[in-house]
């Protein structure tokens, strides 16, 4: 798997993932039954894709936010 998530996007994904997971675990977003599960799943996906620097959706659509390597 070739990295397709750049540095800035990686930071955003990791921070967003941690925040969403924390909100899900603490149950701070209302009384809806499945809100916590959805937040947990979305947070985990964001966190994992940020940590491994590869996003399957970006690969599917041909998006690459990594900066080009200098020769």
PDB file of N, CA and C in Angstrom:
ATOM      1  N   UNK A   1       0.842  -1.177   0.000  1.00  0.00           N
ATOM      2  CA  UNK A   1       0.000   0.000   0.000  1.00  0.00           C
ATOM      3  C   UNK A   1       0.885   1.237   0.000  1.00  0.00           C
ATOM      4  N   UNK A   2       0.719   2.036  -0.993  1.00  0.00           N
ATOM      5  CA  UNK A   2       1.469   3.281  -1.086  1.00  0.00           C
ATOM      6  C   UNK A   2       0.698   4.371  -0.334  1.00  0.00           C
ATOM      7  N   UNK A   3       1.405   5.165   0.438  1.00  0.00           N
ATOM      8  CA  UNK A   3       0.771   6.227   1.223  1.00  0.00           C
ATOM      9  C   UNK A   3       0.052   7.202   0.306  1.00  0.00           C
ATOM     10  N   UNK A   4      -1.183   7.569   0.672  1.00  0.00           N
ATOM     11  CA  UNK A   4      -1.923   8.553  -0.100  1.00  0.00           C
ATOM     12  C   UNK A   4      -2.553   9.624   0.790  1.00  0.00           C
ATOM     13  N   UNK A   5      -2.143   9.669   2.057  1.00  0.00           N
ATOM     14  CA  UNK A   5      -2.640  10.676   2.993  1.00  0.00           C
ATOM     15  C   UNK A   5      -1.451  11.535   3.417  1.00  0.00           C
ATOM     16  N   UNK A   6      -1.529  12.831   3.132  1.00  0.00           N
ATOM     17  CA  UNK A   6      -0.439  13.752   3.444  1.00  0.00           C
ATOM     18  C   UNK A   6      -0.352  14.114   4.914  1.00  0.00           C
ATOM     19  N   UNK A   7       0.661  14.883   5.258  1.00  0.00           N
ATOM     20  CA  UNK A   7       0.957  15.222   6.653  1.00  0.00           C
ATOM     21  C   UNK A   7      -0.159  16.001   7.336  1.00  0.00           C
ATOM     22  N   UNK A   8      -0.653  17.042   6.683  1.00  0.00           N
ATOM     23  CA  UNK A   8      -1.702  17.868   7.281  1.00  0.00           C
ATOM     24  C   UNK A   8      -2.987  17.060   7.424  1.00  0.00           C
ATOM     25  N   UNK A   9      -3.336  16.335   6.387  1.00  0.00           N
ATOM     26  CA  UNK A   9      -4.545  15.512   6.446  1.00  0.00           C
ATOM     27  C   UNK A   9      -4.397  14.421   7.505  1.00  0.00           C
ATOM     28  N   UNK A  10      -3.204  13.891   7.639  1.00  0.00           N
ATOM     29  CA  UNK A  10      -2.941  12.863   8.643  1.00  0.00           C
ATOM     30  C   UNK A  10      -3.193  13.405  10.039  1.00  0.00           C
ATOM     31  N   UNK A  11      -2.681  14.591  10.319  1.00  0.00           N
ATOM     32  CA  UNK A  11      -2.888  15.213  11.623  1.00  0.00           C
ATOM     33  C   UNK A  11      -4.377  15.444  11.893  1.00  0.00           C
ATOM     34  N   UNK A  12      -5.081  15.942  10.897  1.00  0.00           N
ATOM     35  CA  UNK A  12      -6.521  16.191  11.044  1.00  0.00           C
ATOM     36  C   UNK A  12      -7.267  14.890  11.317  1.00  0.00           C
ATOM     37  N   UNK A  13      -6.941  13.835  10.578  1.00  0.00           N
ATOM     38  CA  UNK A  13      -7.609  12.546  10.768  1.00  0.00           C
ATOM     39  C   UNK A  13      -7.355  11.980  12.162  1.00  0.00           C
ATOM     40  N   UNK A  14      -6.123  12.063  12.627  1.00  0.00           N
ATOM     41  CA  UNK A  14      -5.794  11.514  13.944  1.00  0.00           C
ATOM     42  C   UNK A  14      -6.507  12.296  15.046  1.00  0.00           C
ATOM     43  N   UNK A  15      -6.455  13.611  14.985  1.00  0.00           N
ATOM     44  CA  UNK A  15      -7.117  14.436  16.003  1.00  0.00           C
ATOM     45  C   UNK A  15      -8.633  14.216  15.966  1.00  0.00           C
ATOM     46  N   UNK A  16      -9.214  14.236  14.780  1.00  0.00           N
ATOM     47  CA  UNK A  16     -10.651  14.012  14.641  1.00  0.00           C
ATOM     48  C   UNK A  16     -11.036  12.626  15.157  1.00  0.00           C
ATOM     49  N   UNK A  17     -10.232  11.622  14.824  1.00  0.00           N
ATOM     50  CA  UNK A  17     -10.513  10.267  15.290  1.00  0.00           C
ATOM     51  C   UNK A  17     -10.511  10.168  16.798  1.00  0.00           C
ATOM     52  N   UNK A  18      -9.510  10.759  17.430  1.00  0.00           N
ATOM     53  CA  UNK A  18      -9.418  10.718  18.894  1.00  0.00           C
ATOM     54  C   UNK A  18     -10.600  11.449  19.529  1.00  0.00           C
ATOM     55  N   UNK A  19     -10.965  12.601  18.990  1.00  0.00           N
ATOM     56  CA  UNK A  19     -12.092  13.371  19.526  1.00  0.00           C
ATOM     57  C   UNK A  19     -13.391  12.587  19.380  1.00  0.00           C
ATOM     58  N   UNK A  20     -13.643  12.002  18.213  1.00  0.00           N
ATOM     59  CA  UNK A  20     -14.879  11.248  18.007  1.00  0.00           C
ATOM     60  C   UNK A  20     -14.949  10.008  18.891  1.00  0.00           C
ATOM     61  N   UNK A  21     -13.832   9.335  19.056  1.00  0.00           N
ATOM     62  CA  UNK A  21     -13.811   8.163  19.933  1.00  0.00           C
ATOM     63  C   UNK A  21     -14.087   8.582  21.378  1.00  0.00           C
ATOM     64  N   UNK A  22     -13.485   9.682  21.804  1.00  0.00           N
ATOM     65  CA  UNK A  22     -13.716  10.176  23.163  1.00  0.00           C
ATOM     66  C   UNK A  22     -15.185  10.549  23.370  1.00  0.00           C
ATOM     67  N   UNK A  23     -15.784  11.221  22.396  1.00  0.00           N
ATOM     68  CA  UNK A  23     -17.199  11.582  22.501  1.00  0.00           C
ATOM     69  C   UNK A  23     -18.083  10.347  22.563  1.00  0.00           C
ATOM     70  N   UNK A  24     -17.739   9.334  21.803  1.00  0.00           N
ATOM     71  CA  UNK A  24     -18.531   8.107  21.806  1.00  0.00           C
ATOM     72  C   UNK A  24     -18.417   7.381  23.140  1.00  0.00           C
ATOM     73  N   UNK A  25     -17.198   7.311  23.659  1.00  0.00           N
ATOM     74  CA  UNK A  25     -16.983   6.599  24.919  1.00  0.00           C
ATOM     75  C   UNK A  25     -17.642   7.342  26.085  1.00  0.00           C
ATOM     76  N   UNK A  26     -17.569   8.660  26.065  1.00  0.00           N
ATOM     77  CA  UNK A  26     -18.154   9.448  27.152  1.00  0.00           C
ATOM     78  C   UNK A  26     -19.664   9.613  27.009  1.00  0.00           C
ATOM     79  N   UNK A  27     -20.196   9.351  25.820  1.00  0.00           N
ATOM     80  CA  UNK A  27     -21.637   9.448  25.597  1.00  0.00           C
ATOM     81  C   UNK A  27     -22.175  10.855  25.738  1.00  0.00           C
ATOM     82  N   UNK A  28     -21.449  11.827  25.218  1.00  0.00           N
ATOM     83  CA  UNK A  28     -21.826  13.232  25.421  1.00  0.00           C
ATOM     84  C   UNK A  28     -22.712  13.812  24.324  1.00  0.00           C
ATOM     85  N   UNK A  29     -23.071  13.036  23.344  1.00  0.00           N
ATOM     86  CA  UNK A  29     -23.825  13.613  22.225  1.00  0.00           C
ATOM     87  C   UNK A  29     -25.272  13.142  22.152  1.00  0.00           C
ATOM     88  N   UNK A  30     -25.977  13.248  23.207  1.00  0.00           N
ATOM     89  CA  UNK A  30     -27.410  13.039  23.157  1.00  0.00           C
ATOM     90  C   UNK A  30     -27.881  11.637  23.481  1.00  0.00           C
ATOM     91  N   UNK A  31     -29.184  11.502  23.504  1.00  0.00           N
ATOM     92  CA  UNK A  31     -29.800  10.259  23.956  1.00  0.00           C
ATOM     93  C   UNK A  31     -30.008   9.198  22.875  1.00  0.00           C
ATOM     94  N   UNK A  32     -29.623   9.490  21.641  1.00  0.00           N
ATOM     95  CA  UNK A  32     -29.887   8.515  20.585  1.00  0.00           C
ATOM     96  C   UNK A  32     -29.075   7.259  20.805  1.00  0.00           C
ATOM     97  N   UNK A  33     -29.697   6.148  20.571  1.00  0.00           N
ATOM     98  CA  UNK A  33     -29.094   4.858  20.895  1.00  0.00           C
ATOM     99  C   UNK A  33     -27.843   4.557  20.075  1.00  0.00           C
ATOM    100  N   UNK A  34     -27.889   4.822  18.783  1.00  0.00           N
ATOM    101  CA  UNK A  34     -26.796   4.420  17.904  1.00  0.00           C
ATOM    102  C   UNK A  34     -25.790   5.520  17.623  1.00  0.00           C
ATOM    103  N   UNK A  35     -25.967   6.691  18.179  1.00  0.00           N
ATOM    104  CA  UNK A  35     -25.039   7.791  17.937  1.00  0.00           C
ATOM    105  C   UNK A  35     -23.634   7.428  18.383  1.00  0.00           C
ATOM    106  N   UNK A  36     -23.517   6.829  19.546  1.00  0.00           N
ATOM    107  CA  UNK A  36     -22.212   6.452  20.066  1.00  0.00           C
ATOM    108  C   UNK A  36     -21.512   5.426  19.199  1.00  0.00           C
ATOM    109  N   UNK A  37     -22.271   4.464  18.670  1.00  0.00           N
ATOM    110  CA  UNK A  37     -21.688   3.431  17.810  1.00  0.00           C
ATOM    111  C   UNK A  37     -21.186   4.041  16.512  1.00  0.00           C
ATOM    112  N   UNK A  38     -21.986   4.912  15.926  1.00  0.00           N
ATOM    113  CA  UNK A  38     -21.590   5.566  14.678  1.00  0.00           C
ATOM    114  C   UNK A  38     -20.349   6.421  14.894  1.00  0.00           C
ATOM    115  N   UNK A  39     -20.323   7.200  15.969  1.00  0.00           N
ATOM    116  CA  UNK A  39     -19.153   8.027  16.269  1.00  0.00           C
ATOM    117  C   UNK A  39     -17.918   7.175  16.504  1.00  0.00           C
ATOM    118  N   UNK A  40     -18.090   6.064  17.185  1.00  0.00           N
ATOM    119  CA  UNK A  40     -16.965   5.179  17.448  1.00  0.00           C
ATOM    120  C   UNK A  40     -16.395   4.604  16.155  1.00  0.00           C
ATOM    121  N   UNK A  41     -17.260   4.150  15.265  1.00  0.00           N
ATOM    122  CA  UNK A  41     -16.811   3.572  13.998  1.00  0.00           C
ATOM    123  C   UNK A  41     -16.127   4.626  13.136  1.00  0.00           C
ATOM    124  N   UNK A  42     -16.745   5.787  12.994  1.00  0.00           N
ATOM    125  CA  UNK A  42     -16.158   6.857  12.184  1.00  0.00           C
ATOM    126  C   UNK A  42     -14.829   7.311  12.790  1.00  0.00           C
ATOM    127  N   UNK A  43     -14.777   7.422  14.103  1.00  0.00           N
ATOM    128  CA  UNK A  43     -13.545   7.808  14.772  1.00  0.00           C
ATOM    129  C   UNK A  43     -12.432   6.792  14.574  1.00  0.00           C
ATOM    130  N   UNK A  44     -12.768   5.514  14.668  1.00  0.00           N
ATOM    131  CA  UNK A  44     -11.767   4.469  14.455  1.00  0.00           C
ATOM    132  C   UNK A  44     -11.238   4.473  13.025  1.00  0.00           C
ATOM    133  N   UNK A  45     -12.131   4.658  12.058  1.00  0.00           N
ATOM    134  CA  UNK A  45     -11.710   4.707  10.648  1.00  0.00           C
ATOM    135  C   UNK A  45     -10.781   5.899  10.429  1.00  0.00           C
ATOM    136  N   UNK A  46     -11.161   7.062  10.945  1.00  0.00           N
ATOM    137  CA  UNK A  46     -10.320   8.252  10.792  1.00  0.00           C
ATOM    138  C   UNK A  46      -8.965   8.060  11.462  1.00  0.00           C
ATOM    139  N   UNK A  47      -8.960   7.495  12.645  1.00  0.00           N
ATOM    140  CA  UNK A  47      -7.710   7.279  13.375  1.00  0.00           C
ATOM    141  C   UNK A  47      -6.806   6.284  12.655  1.00  0.00           C
ATOM    142  N   UNK A  48      -7.356   5.169  12.229  1.00  0.00           N
ATOM    143  CA  UNK A  48      -6.536   4.145  11.564  1.00  0.00           C
ATOM    144  C   UNK A  48      -5.995   4.651  10.232  1.00  0.00           C
ATOM    145  N   UNK A  49      -6.834   5.297   9.427  1.00  0.00           N
ATOM    146  CA  UNK A  49      -6.341   5.799   8.140  1.00  0.00           C
ATOM    147  C   UNK A  49      -5.293   6.887   8.334  1.00  0.00           C
ATOM    148  N   UNK A  50      -5.410   7.657   9.408  1.00  0.00           N
ATOM    149  CA  UNK A  50      -4.390   8.657   9.696  1.00  0.00           C
ATOM    150  C   UNK A  50      -3.082   8.034  10.149  1.00  0.00           C
ATOM    151  N   UNK A  51      -3.171   6.987  10.938  1.00  0.00           N
ATOM    152  CA  UNK A  51      -1.960   6.343  11.443  1.00  0.00           C
ATOM    153  C   UNK A  51      -1.221   5.553  10.367  1.00  0.00           C
ATOM    154  N   UNK A  52      -1.950   4.884   9.493  1.00  0.00           N
ATOM    155  CA  UNK A  52      -1.283   4.082   8.458  1.00  0.00           C
ATOM    156  C   UNK A  52      -1.012   4.872   7.181  1.00  0.00           C
ATOM    157  N   UNK A  53      -1.529   6.099   7.109  1.00  0.00           N
ATOM    158  CA  UNK A  53      -1.315   7.007   5.964  1.00  0.00           C
ATOM    159  C   UNK A  53      -1.855   6.466   4.650  1.00  0.00           C
ATOM    160  N   UNK A  54      -2.854   5.606   4.714  1.00  0.00           N
ATOM    161  CA  UNK A  54      -3.471   5.068   3.504  1.00  0.00           C
ATOM    162  C   UNK A  54      -4.969   5.032   3.695  1.00  0.00           C
ATOM    163  N   UNK A  55      -5.696   5.579   2.728  1.00  0.00           N
ATOM    164  CA  UNK A  55      -7.146   5.621   2.777  1.00  0.00           C
ATOM    165  C   UNK A  55      -7.695   4.866   1.572  1.00  0.00           C
ATOM    166  N   UNK A  56      -8.493   3.827   1.787  1.00  0.00           N
ATOM    167  CA  UNK A  56      -9.027   3.065   0.663  1.00  0.00           C
ATOM    168  C   UNK A  56      -9.929   3.907  -0.244  1.00  0.00           C
ATOM    169  N   UNK A  57     -10.664   4.843   0.316  1.00  0.00           N
ATOM    170  CA  UNK A  57     -11.521   5.705  -0.512  1.00  0.00           C
ATOM    171  C   UNK A  57     -10.671   6.583  -1.427  1.00  0.00           C
ATOM    172  N   UNK A  58      -9.585   7.135  -0.889  1.00  0.00           N
ATOM    173  CA  UNK A  58      -8.687   7.949  -1.718  1.00  0.00           C
ATOM    174  C   UNK A  58      -8.069   7.101  -2.817  1.00  0.00           C
ATOM    175  N   UNK A  59      -7.703   5.868  -2.501  1.00  0.00           N
ATOM    176  CA  UNK A  59      -7.125   4.971  -3.511  1.00  0.00           C
ATOM    177  C   UNK A  59      -8.149   4.661  -4.606  1.00  0.00           C
ATOM    178  N   UNK A  60      -9.391   4.445  -4.215  1.00  0.00           N
ATOM    179  CA  UNK A  60     -10.453   4.141  -5.181  1.00  0.00           C
ATOM    180  C   UNK A  60     -10.672   5.291  -6.158  1.00  0.00           C
ATOM    181  N   UNK A  61     -10.630   6.522  -5.652  1.00  0.00           N
ATOM    182  CA  UNK A  61     -10.872   7.694  -6.498  1.00  0.00           C
ATOM    183  C   UNK A  61      -9.602   8.304  -7.073  1.00  0.00           C
ATOM    184  N   UNK A  62      -8.447   7.752  -6.751  1.00  0.00           N
ATOM    185  CA  UNK A  62      -7.190   8.246  -7.287  1.00  0.00           C
ATOM    186  C   UNK A  62      -6.690   9.527  -6.663  1.00  0.00           C
ATOM    187  N   UNK A  63      -7.109   9.802  -5.438  1.00  0.00           N
ATOM    188  CA  UNK A  63      -6.698  11.019  -4.739  1.00  0.00           C
ATOM    189  C   UNK A  63      -5.428  10.730  -3.954  1.00  0.00           C
ATOM    190  N   UNK A  64      -4.483  11.666  -3.987  1.00  0.00           N
ATOM    191  CA  UNK A  64      -3.250  11.545  -3.222  1.00  0.00           C
ATOM    192  C   UNK A  64      -2.897  12.912  -2.673  1.00  0.00           C
ATOM    193  N   UNK A  65      -2.910  13.047  -1.346  1.00  0.00           N
ATOM    194  CA  UNK A  65      -2.628  14.342  -0.729  1.00  0.00           C
ATOM    195  C   UNK A  65      -1.196  14.432  -0.212  1.00  0.00           C
ATOM    196  N   UNK A  66      -0.382  13.426  -0.499  1.00  0.00           N
ATOM    197  CA  UNK A  66       1.037  13.476  -0.124  1.00  0.00           C
ATOM    198  C   UNK A  66       1.764  14.478  -1.007  1.00  0.00           C
ATOM    199  N   UNK A  67       2.732  15.164  -0.421  1.00  0.00           N
ATOM    200  CA  UNK A  67       3.518  16.085  -1.238  1.00  0.00           C
ATOM    201  C   UNK A  67       4.443  15.295  -2.138  1.00  0.00           C
ATOM    202  N   UNK A  68       4.699  15.797  -3.336  1.00  0.00           N
ATOM    203  CA  UNK A  68       5.587  15.070  -4.265  1.00  0.00           C
ATOM    204  C   UNK A  68       7.001  15.009  -3.699  1.00  0.00           C
ATOM    205  N   UNK A  69       7.664  13.889  -3.913  1.00  0.00           N
ATOM    206  CA  UNK A  69       9.045  13.727  -3.422  1.00  0.00           C
ATOM    207  C   UNK A  69       9.992  14.544  -4.284  1.00  0.00           C
ATOM    208  N   UNK A  70      10.950  15.177  -3.596  1.00  0.00           N
ATOM    209  CA  UNK A  70      11.943  15.985  -4.319  1.00  0.00           C
ATOM    210  C   UNK A  70      13.041  15.078  -4.875  1.00  0.00           C
ATOM    211  N   UNK A  71      13.423  15.333  -6.088  1.00  0.00           N
ATOM    212  CA  UNK A  71      14.444  14.496  -6.721  1.00  0.00           C
ATOM    213  C   UNK A  71      15.836  14.996  -6.459  1.00  0.00           C
TER     214      UNK A  71
END
